[in-house]
Amino acid sequence: MDKSVPDPPLNKTNPLSGFDSTEDLLKDRAAAERALDHYLNPKPPEPSTDQRIDSLFSVTAKADTDTLLTSTSETLASVKAMAEDLAFEVEGTRRSVALGIHQLVELCQLLVDKALDQLEASGSPAEM
């Protein structure tokens, strides 16, 4: 009677016999651990190390455009009031500088207000 399945070898083979040295085995093991760590234990993203960022304050990435423009508009209104008050407290060229600052802030305020109006118009459906 012939068997279709051969008999298993009598001497047990070493599962590590495919490696030439212990060093090769350790390299493969380290690579496997790195791969598992990459997928199963991902590292949190590192904070930005941008050299250009040298500021005490920052703006959250979650702020929408409307919120940013509204905050800018309010800040510009405060700066405009401060420059206006300063302009009436000083004399000569210093007064001209303060009034110039006031006018530039006023211009920025108009630009921000226009941007807010456009955002508001694009966000709401046109009425007929």
C-alpha atoms as a PDB file:
ATOM      1  CA  MET A   1       0.000   0.000   0.000  1.00  0.00           C
ATOM      2  CA  ASP A   2       1.399   3.380  -1.020  1.00  0.00           C
ATOM      3  CA  LYS A   3       0.967   6.472   1.135  1.00  0.00           C
ATOM      4  CA  SER A   4       0.193   9.767  -0.525  1.00  0.00           C
ATOM      5  CA  VAL A   5       1.682  11.762   2.370  1.00  0.00           C
ATOM      6  CA  PRO A   6       5.376  11.232   3.168  1.00  0.00           C
ATOM      7  CA  ASP A   7       6.507  10.513   6.696  1.00  0.00           C
ATOM      8  CA  PRO A   8       7.824  13.520   8.642  1.00  0.00           C
ATOM      9  CA  PRO A   9      11.563  13.622   9.105  1.00  0.00           C
ATOM     10  CA  LEU A  10      12.769  11.828  12.179  1.00  0.00           C
ATOM     11  CA  ASN A  11      15.306  14.413  13.280  1.00  0.00           C
ATOM     12  CA  LYS A  12      13.806  17.714  14.318  1.00  0.00           C
ATOM     13  CA  THR A  13      15.208  20.739  12.566  1.00  0.00           C
ATOM     14  CA  ASN A  14      16.198  23.881  14.402  1.00  0.00           C
ATOM     15  CA  PRO A  15      13.814  26.776  13.506  1.00  0.00           C
ATOM     16  CA  LEU A  16      16.773  29.144  13.710  1.00  0.00           C
ATOM     17  CA  SER A  17      18.818  27.161  11.199  1.00  0.00           C
ATOM     18  CA  GLY A  18      17.779  29.558   8.390  1.00  0.00           C
ATOM     19  CA  PHE A  19      19.873  32.322   9.955  1.00  0.00           C
ATOM     20  CA  ASP A  20      23.621  32.437   9.361  1.00  0.00           C
ATOM     21  CA  SER A  21      24.359  34.041  12.677  1.00  0.00           C
ATOM     22  CA  THR A  22      22.774  35.359  15.824  1.00  0.00           C
ATOM     23  CA  GLU A  23      23.416  38.856  14.498  1.00  0.00           C
ATOM     24  CA  ASP A  24      21.116  38.232  11.513  1.00  0.00           C
ATOM     25  CA  LEU A  25      18.425  36.946  13.849  1.00  0.00           C
ATOM     26  CA  LEU A  26      18.696  40.040  16.050  1.00  0.00           C
ATOM     27  CA  LYS A  27      18.512  42.357  13.011  1.00  0.00           C
ATOM     28  CA  ASP A  28      15.335  40.647  11.818  1.00  0.00           C
ATOM     29  CA  ARG A  29      13.825  40.787  15.279  1.00  0.00           C
ATOM     30  CA  ALA A  30      14.649  44.515  15.608  1.00  0.00           C
ATOM     31  CA  ALA A  31      13.096  45.207  12.207  1.00  0.00           C
ATOM     32  CA  ALA A  32       9.947  43.323  13.192  1.00  0.00           C
ATOM     33  CA  GLU A  33       9.683  45.267  16.460  1.00  0.00           C
ATOM     34  CA  ARG A  34      10.100  48.586  14.618  1.00  0.00           C
ATOM     35  CA  ALA A  35       7.359  47.612  12.168  1.00  0.00           C
ATOM     36  CA  LEU A  36       4.999  46.577  14.959  1.00  0.00           C
ATOM     37  CA  ASP A  37       5.716  49.750  16.929  1.00  0.00           C
ATOM     38  CA  HIS A  38       5.135  51.859  13.823  1.00  0.00           C
ATOM     39  CA  TYR A  39       1.641  50.453  13.316  1.00  0.00           C
ATOM     40  CA  LEU A  40       0.558  49.519  16.826  1.00  0.00           C
ATOM     41  CA  ASN A  41       2.242  52.209  18.950  1.00  0.00           C
ATOM     42  CA  PRO A  42       2.538  55.308  16.758  1.00  0.00           C
ATOM     43  CA  LYS A  43       4.450  58.196  18.281  1.00  0.00           C
ATOM     44  CA  PRO A  44       2.556  61.467  18.745  1.00  0.00           C
ATOM     45  CA  PRO A  45       3.582  64.168  16.268  1.00  0.00           C
ATOM     46  CA  GLU A  46       6.468  66.267  17.454  1.00  0.00           C
ATOM     47  CA  PRO A  47       5.764  69.949  18.117  1.00  0.00           C
ATOM     48  CA  SER A  48       6.826  72.346  15.422  1.00  0.00           C
ATOM     49  CA  THR A  49      10.420  73.459  15.697  1.00  0.00           C
ATOM     50  CA  ASP A  50      10.054  76.213  13.123  1.00  0.00           C
ATOM     51  CA  GLN A  51      12.804  78.744  13.810  1.00  0.00           C
ATOM     52  CA  ARG A  52      10.643  81.572  12.444  1.00  0.00           C
ATOM     53  CA  ILE A  53       8.129  81.202  15.252  1.00  0.00           C
ATOM     54  CA  ASP A  54       9.431  83.489  17.927  1.00  0.00           C
ATOM     55  CA  SER A  55       6.220  84.715  19.450  1.00  0.00           C
ATOM     56  CA  LEU A  56       4.681  84.620  22.870  1.00  0.00           C
ATOM     57  CA  PHE A  57       1.204  84.329  21.405  1.00  0.00           C
ATOM     58  CA  SER A  58      -0.233  81.938  18.861  1.00  0.00           C
ATOM     59  CA  VAL A  59      -3.550  81.371  17.103  1.00  0.00           C
ATOM     60  CA  THR A  60      -5.325  78.071  17.409  1.00  0.00           C
ATOM     61  CA  ALA A  61      -5.613  76.056  14.217  1.00  0.00           C
ATOM     62  CA  LYS A  62      -9.270  75.349  15.034  1.00  0.00           C
ATOM     63  CA  ALA A  63     -10.385  78.994  14.640  1.00  0.00           C
ATOM     64  CA  ASP A  64     -12.566  79.586  11.593  1.00  0.00           C
ATOM     65  CA  THR A  65     -12.166  82.558   9.257  1.00  0.00           C
ATOM     66  CA  ASP A  66     -15.200  84.383  10.623  1.00  0.00           C
ATOM     67  CA  THR A  67     -13.870  84.199  14.187  1.00  0.00           C
ATOM     68  CA  LEU A  68     -10.405  85.352  13.118  1.00  0.00           C
ATOM     69  CA  LEU A  69     -11.752  88.323  11.190  1.00  0.00           C
ATOM     70  CA  THR A  70     -14.132  89.300  13.987  1.00  0.00           C
ATOM     71  CA  SER A  71     -11.316  89.222  16.528  1.00  0.00           C
ATOM     72  CA  THR A  72      -9.092  91.241  14.200  1.00  0.00           C
ATOM     73  CA  SER A  73     -11.839  93.805  13.725  1.00  0.00           C
ATOM     74  CA  GLU A  74     -12.254  94.230  17.481  1.00  0.00           C
ATOM     75  CA  THR A  75      -8.493  94.530  17.981  1.00  0.00           C
ATOM     76  CA  LEU A  76      -8.243  97.156  15.250  1.00  0.00           C
ATOM     77  CA  ALA A  77     -11.041  99.143  16.871  1.00  0.00           C
ATOM     78  CA  SER A  78      -9.084  99.142  20.148  1.00  0.00           C
ATOM     79  CA  VAL A  79      -5.852 100.224  18.437  1.00  0.00           C
ATOM     80  CA  LYS A  80      -7.741 102.970  16.594  1.00  0.00           C
ATOM     81  CA  ALA A  81      -9.127 104.335  19.871  1.00  0.00           C
ATOM     82  CA  MET A  82      -5.681 104.270  21.503  1.00  0.00           C
ATOM     83  CA  ALA A  83      -4.028 106.035  18.560  1.00  0.00           C
ATOM     84  CA  GLU A  84      -6.797 108.654  18.510  1.00  0.00           C
ATOM     85  CA  ASP A  85      -6.397 109.343  22.240  1.00  0.00           C
ATOM     86  CA  LEU A  86      -2.625 109.575  21.835  1.00  0.00           C
ATOM     87  CA  ALA A  87      -2.930 111.972  18.900  1.00  0.00           C
ATOM     88  CA  PHE A  88      -4.751 114.501  21.068  1.00  0.00           C
ATOM     89  CA  GLU A  89      -2.217 114.238  23.900  1.00  0.00           C
ATOM     90  CA  VAL A  90       0.942 114.964  21.877  1.00  0.00           C
ATOM     91  CA  GLU A  91       2.011 117.889  19.714  1.00  0.00           C
ATOM     92  CA  GLY A  92       3.994 118.425  16.507  1.00  0.00           C
ATOM     93  CA  THR A  93       5.297 115.557  14.409  1.00  0.00           C
ATOM     94  CA  ARG A  94       4.400 113.002  17.085  1.00  0.00           C
ATOM     95  CA  ARG A  95       0.766 113.979  16.652  1.00  0.00           C
ATOM     96  CA  SER A  96       1.054 113.503  12.891  1.00  0.00           C
ATOM     97  CA  VAL A  97       2.539 110.036  13.435  1.00  0.00           C
ATOM     98  CA  ALA A  98      -0.271 109.062  15.809  1.00  0.00           C
ATOM     99  CA  LEU A  99      -2.890 110.334  13.341  1.00  0.00           C
ATOM    100  CA  GLY A 100      -1.159 108.385  10.548  1.00  0.00           C
ATOM    101  CA  ILE A 101      -1.334 105.231  12.650  1.00  0.00           C
ATOM    102  CA  HIS A 102      -5.001 105.987  13.306  1.00  0.00           C
ATOM    103  CA  GLN A 103      -5.693 106.295   9.577  1.00  0.00           C
ATOM    104  CA  LEU A 104      -3.854 103.058   8.719  1.00  0.00           C
ATOM    105  CA  VAL A 105      -5.805 101.216  11.374  1.00  0.00           C
ATOM    106  CA  GLU A 106      -9.004 102.733  10.010  1.00  0.00           C
ATOM    107  CA  LEU A 107      -8.080 101.412   6.541  1.00  0.00           C
ATOM    108  CA  CYS A 108      -7.394  97.936   7.944  1.00  0.00           C
ATOM    109  CA  GLN A 109     -10.720  98.081   9.788  1.00  0.00           C
ATOM    110  CA  LEU A 110     -12.534  98.833   6.506  1.00  0.00           C
ATOM    111  CA  LEU A 111     -10.786  95.913   4.764  1.00  0.00           C
ATOM    112  CA  VAL A 112     -11.642  93.466   7.549  1.00  0.00           C
ATOM    113  CA  ASP A 113     -15.239  94.675   7.679  1.00  0.00           C
ATOM    114  CA  LYS A 114     -15.539  94.174   3.900  1.00  0.00           C
ATOM    115  CA  ALA A 115     -14.117  90.635   4.233  1.00  0.00           C
ATOM    116  CA  LEU A 116     -16.624  89.883   7.010  1.00  0.00           C
ATOM    117  CA  ASP A 117     -19.467  91.196   4.829  1.00  0.00           C
ATOM    118  CA  GLN A 118     -18.354  88.963   1.943  1.00  0.00           C
ATOM    119  CA  LEU A 119     -18.128  85.931   4.242  1.00  0.00           C
ATOM    120  CA  GLU A 120     -21.582  86.650   5.580  1.00  0.00           C
ATOM    121  CA  ALA A 121     -22.999  87.084   2.061  1.00  0.00           C
ATOM    122  CA  SER A 122     -21.433  83.830   0.804  1.00  0.00           C
ATOM    123  CA  GLY A 123     -22.585  81.917   3.889  1.00  0.00           C
ATOM    124  CA  SER A 124     -26.258  82.810   3.609  1.00  0.00           C
ATOM    125  CA  PRO A 125     -28.488  82.014   0.620  1.00  0.00           C
ATOM    126  CA  ALA A 126     -29.448  84.980  -1.565  1.00  0.00           C
ATOM    127  CA  GLU A 127     -32.942  86.225  -0.919  1.00  0.00           C
ATOM    128  CA  MET A 128     -35.223  87.136  -3.818  1.00  0.00           C
END
